[in-house]
Amino acid sequence: MNDQQLIRMANSIGDFFAAVPDADEARHDLAAHIGRFWAPRMRRGILEHIDRTGGDGLQVMVLQALLEHRGQLT
């Protein structure tokens, strides 16, 4: 799976969790969703993208969630 596919998928998940009124809870739940449902290779790919580009193309909330909860995703 290439970076653009992972970005699109992560941002779609971000769109869903953006409706959660509590921003901390939204970021936690977004990261938990990715941790539960994405294969390790996909999680590694999106984190490598962040390391390479600073998160180019990711919504702010998605990037924050992945950075805040990175330890749970590796």
PDB file of N, CA and C in Angstrom:
ATOM      1  N   MET A   1       0.858  -1.171   0.000  1.00  0.00           N
ATOM      2  CA  MET A   1       0.000   0.000   0.000  1.00  0.00           C
ATOM      3  C   MET A   1       0.906   1.237   0.000  1.00  0.00           C
ATOM      4  N   ASN A   2       0.608   2.183  -0.860  1.00  0.00           N
ATOM      5  CA  ASN A   2       1.470   3.365  -0.926  1.00  0.00           C
ATOM      6  C   ASN A   2       1.009   4.452   0.046  1.00  0.00           C
ATOM      7  N   ASP A   3       1.872   5.453   0.210  1.00  0.00           N
ATOM      8  CA  ASP A   3       1.587   6.529   1.171  1.00  0.00           C
ATOM      9  C   ASP A   3       0.249   7.198   0.901  1.00  0.00           C
ATOM     10  N   GLN A   4      -0.049   7.470  -0.344  1.00  0.00           N
ATOM     11  CA  GLN A   4      -1.288   8.191  -0.663  1.00  0.00           C
ATOM     12  C   GLN A   4      -2.527   7.408  -0.244  1.00  0.00           C
ATOM     13  N   GLN A   5      -2.484   6.104  -0.401  1.00  0.00           N
ATOM     14  CA  GLN A   5      -3.616   5.277   0.040  1.00  0.00           C
ATOM     15  C   GLN A   5      -3.756   5.312   1.559  1.00  0.00           C
ATOM     16  N   LEU A   6      -2.635   5.218   2.250  1.00  0.00           N
ATOM     17  CA  LEU A   6      -2.672   5.262   3.713  1.00  0.00           C
ATOM     18  C   LEU A   6      -3.157   6.620   4.211  1.00  0.00           C
ATOM     19  N   ILE A   7      -2.701   7.691   3.571  1.00  0.00           N
ATOM     20  CA  ILE A   7      -3.136   9.045   3.940  1.00  0.00           C
ATOM     21  C   ILE A   7      -4.635   9.186   3.746  1.00  0.00           C
ATOM     22  N   ARG A   8      -5.125   8.732   2.604  1.00  0.00           N
ATOM     23  CA  ARG A   8      -6.560   8.834   2.309  1.00  0.00           C
ATOM     24  C   ARG A   8      -7.371   8.062   3.345  1.00  0.00           C
ATOM     25  N   MET A   9      -6.931   6.853   3.666  1.00  0.00           N
ATOM     26  CA  MET A   9      -7.646   6.034   4.651  1.00  0.00           C
ATOM     27  C   MET A   9      -7.604   6.684   6.036  1.00  0.00           C
ATOM     28  N   ALA A  10      -6.431   7.159   6.448  1.00  0.00           N
ATOM     29  CA  ALA A  10      -6.300   7.792   7.768  1.00  0.00           C
ATOM     30  C   ALA A  10      -7.163   9.041   7.859  1.00  0.00           C
ATOM     31  N   ASN A  11      -7.184   9.841   6.800  1.00  0.00           N
ATOM     32  CA  ASN A  11      -8.004  11.055   6.810  1.00  0.00           C
ATOM     33  C   ASN A  11      -9.492  10.724   6.820  1.00  0.00           C
ATOM     34  N   SER A  12      -9.888   9.639   6.185  1.00  0.00           N
ATOM     35  CA  SER A  12     -11.296   9.215   6.238  1.00  0.00           C
ATOM     36  C   SER A  12     -11.688   8.831   7.659  1.00  0.00           C
ATOM     37  N   ILE A  13     -10.794   8.134   8.330  1.00  0.00           N
ATOM     38  CA  ILE A  13     -11.043   7.794   9.736  1.00  0.00           C
ATOM     39  C   ILE A  13     -11.103   9.081  10.559  1.00  0.00           C
ATOM     40  N   GLY A  14     -10.219  10.025  10.249  1.00  0.00           N
ATOM     41  CA  GLY A  14     -10.231  11.319  10.932  1.00  0.00           C
ATOM     42  C   GLY A  14     -11.541  12.055  10.736  1.00  0.00           C
ATOM     43  N   ASP A  15     -12.103  11.981   9.535  1.00  0.00           N
ATOM     44  CA  ASP A  15     -13.402  12.625   9.278  1.00  0.00           C
ATOM     45  C   ASP A  15     -14.466  12.073  10.209  1.00  0.00           C
ATOM     46  N   PHE A  16     -14.441  10.763  10.411  1.00  0.00           N
ATOM     47  CA  PHE A  16     -15.424  10.138  11.298  1.00  0.00           C
ATOM     48  C   PHE A  16     -15.238  10.623  12.738  1.00  0.00           C
ATOM     49  N   PHE A  17     -14.017  10.582  13.234  1.00  0.00           N
ATOM     50  CA  PHE A  17     -13.774  10.924  14.637  1.00  0.00           C
ATOM     51  C   PHE A  17     -13.802  12.430  14.895  1.00  0.00           C
ATOM     52  N   ALA A  18     -13.789  13.232  13.864  1.00  0.00           N
ATOM     53  CA  ALA A  18     -13.894  14.688  14.040  1.00  0.00           C
ATOM     54  C   ALA A  18     -15.229  15.080  14.664  1.00  0.00           C
ATOM     55  N   ALA A  19     -16.218  14.207  14.558  1.00  0.00           N
ATOM     56  CA  ALA A  19     -17.540  14.497  15.118  1.00  0.00           C
ATOM     57  C   ALA A  19     -17.588  14.300  16.635  1.00  0.00           C
ATOM     58  N   VAL A  20     -16.566  13.683  17.200  1.00  0.00           N
ATOM     59  CA  VAL A  20     -16.528  13.472  18.654  1.00  0.00           C
ATOM     60  C   VAL A  20     -16.258  14.823  19.320  1.00  0.00           C
ATOM     61  N   PRO A  21     -17.128  15.251  20.233  1.00  0.00           N
ATOM     62  CA  PRO A  21     -16.988  16.590  20.824  1.00  0.00           C
ATOM     63  C   PRO A  21     -15.690  16.812  21.606  1.00  0.00           C
ATOM     64  N   ASP A  22     -15.207  15.797  22.282  1.00  0.00           N
ATOM     65  CA  ASP A  22     -13.982  15.917  23.089  1.00  0.00           C
ATOM     66  C   ASP A  22     -12.785  15.574  22.203  1.00  0.00           C
ATOM     67  N   ALA A  23     -11.938  16.553  21.932  1.00  0.00           N
ATOM     68  CA  ALA A  23     -10.817  16.378  21.003  1.00  0.00           C
ATOM     69  C   ALA A  23      -9.827  15.317  21.506  1.00  0.00           C
ATOM     70  N   ASP A  24      -9.560  15.281  22.808  1.00  0.00           N
ATOM     71  CA  ASP A  24      -8.646  14.270  23.354  1.00  0.00           C
ATOM     72  C   ASP A  24      -9.190  12.867  23.123  1.00  0.00           C
ATOM     73  N   GLU A  25     -10.469  12.711  23.384  1.00  0.00           N
ATOM     74  CA  GLU A  25     -11.119  11.416  23.180  1.00  0.00           C
ATOM     75  C   GLU A  25     -11.095  11.039  21.704  1.00  0.00           C
ATOM     76  N   ALA A  26     -11.338  12.001  20.834  1.00  0.00           N
ATOM     77  CA  ALA A  26     -11.332  11.740  19.391  1.00  0.00           C
ATOM     78  C   ALA A  26      -9.966  11.244  18.937  1.00  0.00           C
ATOM     79  N   ARG A  27      -8.901  11.908  19.398  1.00  0.00           N
ATOM     80  CA  ARG A  27      -7.550  11.488  19.001  1.00  0.00           C
ATOM     81  C   ARG A  27      -7.233  10.098  19.548  1.00  0.00           C
ATOM     82  N   HIS A  28      -7.611   9.856  20.787  1.00  0.00           N
ATOM     83  CA  HIS A  28      -7.387   8.535  21.384  1.00  0.00           C
ATOM     84  C   HIS A  28      -8.128   7.456  20.596  1.00  0.00           C
ATOM     85  N   ASP A  29      -9.395   7.693  20.310  1.00  0.00           N
ATOM     86  CA  ASP A  29     -10.210   6.699  19.616  1.00  0.00           C
ATOM     87  C   ASP A  29      -9.728   6.477  18.181  1.00  0.00           C
ATOM     88  N   LEU A  30      -9.285   7.536  17.523  1.00  0.00           N
ATOM     89  CA  LEU A  30      -8.750   7.410  16.169  1.00  0.00           C
ATOM     90  C   LEU A  30      -7.514   6.509  16.177  1.00  0.00           C
ATOM     91  N   ALA A  31      -6.584   6.770  17.095  1.00  0.00           N
ATOM     92  CA  ALA A  31      -5.373   5.953  17.177  1.00  0.00           C
ATOM     93  C   ALA A  31      -5.713   4.506  17.557  1.00  0.00           C
ATOM     94  N   ALA A  32      -6.666   4.335  18.458  1.00  0.00           N
ATOM     95  CA  ALA A  32      -7.075   2.988  18.861  1.00  0.00           C
ATOM     96  C   ALA A  32      -7.670   2.233  17.673  1.00  0.00           C
ATOM     97  N   HIS A  33      -8.447   2.920  16.865  1.00  0.00           N
ATOM     98  CA  HIS A  33      -9.042   2.302  15.672  1.00  0.00           C
ATOM     99  C   HIS A  33      -7.946   1.819  14.720  1.00  0.00           C
ATOM    100  N   ILE A  34      -6.982   2.687  14.458  1.00  0.00           N
ATOM    101  CA  ILE A  34      -5.887   2.313  13.558  1.00  0.00           C
ATOM    102  C   ILE A  34      -5.080   1.166  14.166  1.00  0.00           C
ATOM    103  N   GLY A  35      -4.852   1.220  15.453  1.00  0.00           N
ATOM    104  CA  GLY A  35      -4.121   0.145  16.123  1.00  0.00           C
ATOM    105  C   GLY A  35      -4.823  -1.198  16.041  1.00  0.00           C
ATOM    106  N   ARG A  36      -6.148  -1.170  16.103  1.00  0.00           N
ATOM    107  CA  ARG A  36      -6.934  -2.409  16.069  1.00  0.00           C
ATOM    108  C   ARG A  36      -7.121  -2.963  14.666  1.00  0.00           C
ATOM    109  N   PHE A  37      -7.358  -2.079  13.696  1.00  0.00           N
ATOM    110  CA  PHE A  37      -7.821  -2.542  12.393  1.00  0.00           C
ATOM    111  C   PHE A  37      -6.805  -2.460  11.263  1.00  0.00           C
ATOM    112  N   TRP A  38      -5.711  -1.759  11.465  1.00  0.00           N
ATOM    113  CA  TRP A  38      -4.681  -1.694  10.425  1.00  0.00           C
ATOM    114  C   TRP A  38      -3.630  -2.753  10.688  1.00  0.00           C
ATOM    115  N   ALA A  39      -3.178  -3.386   9.634  1.00  0.00           N
ATOM    116  CA  ALA A  39      -2.089  -4.362   9.735  1.00  0.00           C
ATOM    117  C   ALA A  39      -0.812  -3.642  10.175  1.00  0.00           C
ATOM    118  N   PRO A  40       0.076  -4.360  10.852  1.00  0.00           N
ATOM    119  CA  PRO A  40       1.333  -3.733  11.284  1.00  0.00           C
ATOM    120  C   PRO A  40       2.076  -3.032  10.140  1.00  0.00           C
ATOM    121  N   ARG A  41       2.067  -3.621   8.963  1.00  0.00           N
ATOM    122  CA  ARG A  41       2.742  -3.020   7.810  1.00  0.00           C
ATOM    123  C   ARG A  41       2.140  -1.656   7.458  1.00  0.00           C
ATOM    124  N   MET A  42       0.824  -1.535   7.569  1.00  0.00           N
ATOM    125  CA  MET A  42       0.149  -0.267   7.283  1.00  0.00           C
ATOM    126  C   MET A  42       0.498   0.777   8.345  1.00  0.00           C
ATOM    127  N   ARG A  43       0.461   0.363   9.608  1.00  0.00           N
ATOM    128  CA  ARG A  43       0.819   1.292  10.693  1.00  0.00           C
ATOM    129  C   ARG A  43       2.257   1.771  10.541  1.00  0.00           C
ATOM    130  N   ARG A  44       3.138   0.841  10.245  1.00  0.00           N
ATOM    131  CA  ARG A  44       4.542   1.200  10.025  1.00  0.00           C
ATOM    132  C   ARG A  44       4.668   2.179   8.859  1.00  0.00           C
ATOM    133  N   GLY A  45       3.919   1.935   7.803  1.00  0.00           N
ATOM    134  CA  GLY A  45       3.970   2.795   6.623  1.00  0.00           C
ATOM    135  C   GLY A  45       3.543   4.224   6.913  1.00  0.00           C
ATOM    136  N   ILE A  46       2.467   4.404   7.649  1.00  0.00           N
ATOM    137  CA  ILE A  46       1.997   5.772   7.932  1.00  0.00           C
ATOM    138  C   ILE A  46       2.962   6.471   8.888  1.00  0.00           C
ATOM    139  N   LEU A  47       3.542   5.736   9.837  1.00  0.00           N
ATOM    140  CA  LEU A  47       4.514   6.343  10.752  1.00  0.00           C
ATOM    141  C   LEU A  47       5.805   6.695  10.020  1.00  0.00           C
ATOM    142  N   GLU A  48       6.221   5.871   9.085  1.00  0.00           N
ATOM    143  CA  GLU A  48       7.401   6.193   8.268  1.00  0.00           C
ATOM    144  C   GLU A  48       7.135   7.422   7.407  1.00  0.00           C
ATOM    145  N   HIS A  49       5.916   7.539   6.894  1.00  0.00           N
ATOM    146  CA  HIS A  49       5.546   8.727   6.122  1.00  0.00           C
ATOM    147  C   HIS A  49       5.676   9.982   6.990  1.00  0.00           C
ATOM    148  N   ILE A  50       5.201   9.899   8.217  1.00  0.00           N
ATOM    149  CA  ILE A  50       5.310  11.034   9.143  1.00  0.00           C
ATOM    150  C   ILE A  50       6.775  11.365   9.389  1.00  0.00           C
ATOM    151  N   ASP A  51       7.593  10.356   9.590  1.00  0.00           N
ATOM    152  CA  ASP A  51       9.016  10.585   9.838  1.00  0.00           C
ATOM    153  C   ASP A  51       9.703  11.238   8.640  1.00  0.00           C
ATOM    154  N   ARG A  52       9.323  10.816   7.442  1.00  0.00           N
ATOM    155  CA  ARG A  52       9.945  11.339   6.218  1.00  0.00           C
ATOM    156  C   ARG A  52       9.479  12.740   5.864  1.00  0.00           C
ATOM    157  N   THR A  53       8.188  13.013   6.077  1.00  0.00           N
ATOM    158  CA  THR A  53       7.604  14.240   5.519  1.00  0.00           C
ATOM    159  C   THR A  53       7.030  15.181   6.569  1.00  0.00           C
ATOM    160  N   GLY A  54       6.989  14.751   7.816  1.00  0.00           N
ATOM    161  CA  GLY A  54       6.339  15.557   8.841  1.00  0.00           C
ATOM    162  C   GLY A  54       4.825  15.421   8.821  1.00  0.00           C
ATOM    163  N   GLY A  55       4.330  14.463   8.041  1.00  0.00           N
ATOM    164  CA  GLY A  55       2.888  14.219   8.002  1.00  0.00           C
ATOM    165  C   GLY A  55       2.184  14.862   6.829  1.00  0.00           C
ATOM    166  N   ASP A  56       2.922  15.166   5.781  1.00  0.00           N
ATOM    167  CA  ASP A  56       2.333  15.767   4.573  1.00  0.00           C
ATOM    168  C   ASP A  56       1.041  15.074   4.169  1.00  0.00           C
ATOM    169  N   GLY A  57      -0.018  15.857   3.982  1.00  0.00           N
ATOM    170  CA  GLY A  57      -1.288  15.338   3.501  1.00  0.00           C
ATOM    171  C   GLY A  57      -2.239  14.870   4.575  1.00  0.00           C
ATOM    172  N   LEU A  58      -1.738  14.697   5.791  1.00  0.00           N
ATOM    173  CA  LEU A  58      -2.612  14.242   6.873  1.00  0.00           C
ATOM    174  C   LEU A  58      -3.335  15.424   7.510  1.00  0.00           C
ATOM    175  N   GLN A  59      -4.586  15.207   7.872  1.00  0.00           N
ATOM    176  CA  GLN A  59      -5.320  16.218   8.619  1.00  0.00           C
ATOM    177  C   GLN A  59      -4.604  16.447   9.951  1.00  0.00           C
ATOM    178  N   VAL A  60      -4.739  17.644  10.477  1.00  0.00           N
ATOM    179  CA  VAL A  60      -4.049  17.998  11.724  1.00  0.00           C
ATOM    180  C   VAL A  60      -4.415  17.036  12.848  1.00  0.00           C
ATOM    181  N   MET A  61      -5.698  16.746  13.012  1.00  0.00           N
ATOM    182  CA  MET A  61      -6.117  15.864  14.095  1.00  0.00           C
ATOM    183  C   MET A  61      -5.537  14.465  13.918  1.00  0.00           C
ATOM    184  N   VAL A  62      -5.477  13.985  12.695  1.00  0.00           N
ATOM    185  CA  VAL A  62      -4.936  12.652  12.425  1.00  0.00           C
ATOM    186  C   VAL A  62      -3.455  12.623  12.795  1.00  0.00           C
ATOM    187  N   LEU A  63      -2.723  13.628  12.350  1.00  0.00           N
ATOM    188  CA  LEU A  63      -1.294  13.701  12.664  1.00  0.00           C
ATOM    189  C   LEU A  63      -1.079  13.766  14.174  1.00  0.00           C
ATOM    190  N   GLN A  64      -1.833  14.609  14.850  1.00  0.00           N
ATOM    191  CA  GLN A  64      -1.700  14.718  16.306  1.00  0.00           C
ATOM    192  C   GLN A  64      -1.993  13.381  16.983  1.00  0.00           C
ATOM    193  N   ALA A  65      -3.044  12.707  16.544  1.00  0.00           N
ATOM    194  CA  ALA A  65      -3.418  11.421  17.150  1.00  0.00           C
ATOM    195  C   ALA A  65      -2.305  10.397  16.970  1.00  0.00           C
ATOM    196  N   LEU A  66      -1.746  10.333  15.775  1.00  0.00           N
ATOM    197  CA  LEU A  66      -0.699   9.355  15.509  1.00  0.00           C
ATOM    198  C   LEU A  66       0.573   9.666  16.292  1.00  0.00           C
ATOM    199  N   LEU A  67       0.898  10.935  16.431  1.00  0.00           N
ATOM    200  CA  LEU A  67       2.085  11.309  17.193  1.00  0.00           C
ATOM    201  C   LEU A  67       1.882  11.081  18.693  1.00  0.00           C
ATOM    202  N   GLU A  68       0.713  11.469  19.208  1.00  0.00           N
ATOM    203  CA  GLU A  68       0.435  11.316  20.643  1.00  0.00           C
ATOM    204  C   GLU A  68       0.394   9.854  21.074  1.00  0.00           C
ATOM    205  N   HIS A  69      -0.073   8.998  20.190  1.00  0.00           N
ATOM    206  CA  HIS A  69      -0.298   7.592  20.548  1.00  0.00           C
ATOM    207  C   HIS A  69       0.620   6.651  19.774  1.00  0.00           C
ATOM    208  N   ARG A  70       1.718   7.186  19.293  1.00  0.00           N
ATOM    209  CA  ARG A  70       2.653   6.409  18.474  1.00  0.00           C
ATOM    210  C   ARG A  70       3.086   5.113  19.163  1.00  0.00           C
ATOM    211  N   GLY A  71       3.337   5.182  20.461  1.00  0.00           N
ATOM    212  CA  GLY A  71       3.775   4.008  21.201  1.00  0.00           C
ATOM    213  C   GLY A  71       2.807   2.845  21.132  1.00  0.00           C
ATOM    214  N   GLN A  72       1.534   3.129  20.989  1.00  0.00           N
ATOM    215  CA  GLN A  72       0.514   2.080  20.903  1.00  0.00           C
ATOM    216  C   GLN A  72       0.428   1.495  19.499  1.00  0.00           C
ATOM    217  N   LEU A  73       1.048   2.149  18.527  1.00  0.00           N
ATOM    218  CA  LEU A  73       0.904   1.738  17.135  1.00  0.00           C
ATOM    219  C   LEU A  73       2.100   0.959  16.608  1.00  0.00           C
ATOM    220  N   THR A  74       3.163   0.889  17.392  1.00  0.00           N
ATOM    221  CA  THR A  74       4.370   0.202  16.902  1.00  0.00           C
ATOM    222  C   THR A  74       4.497  -1.187  17.479  1.00  0.00           C
TER     223      THR A  74
END
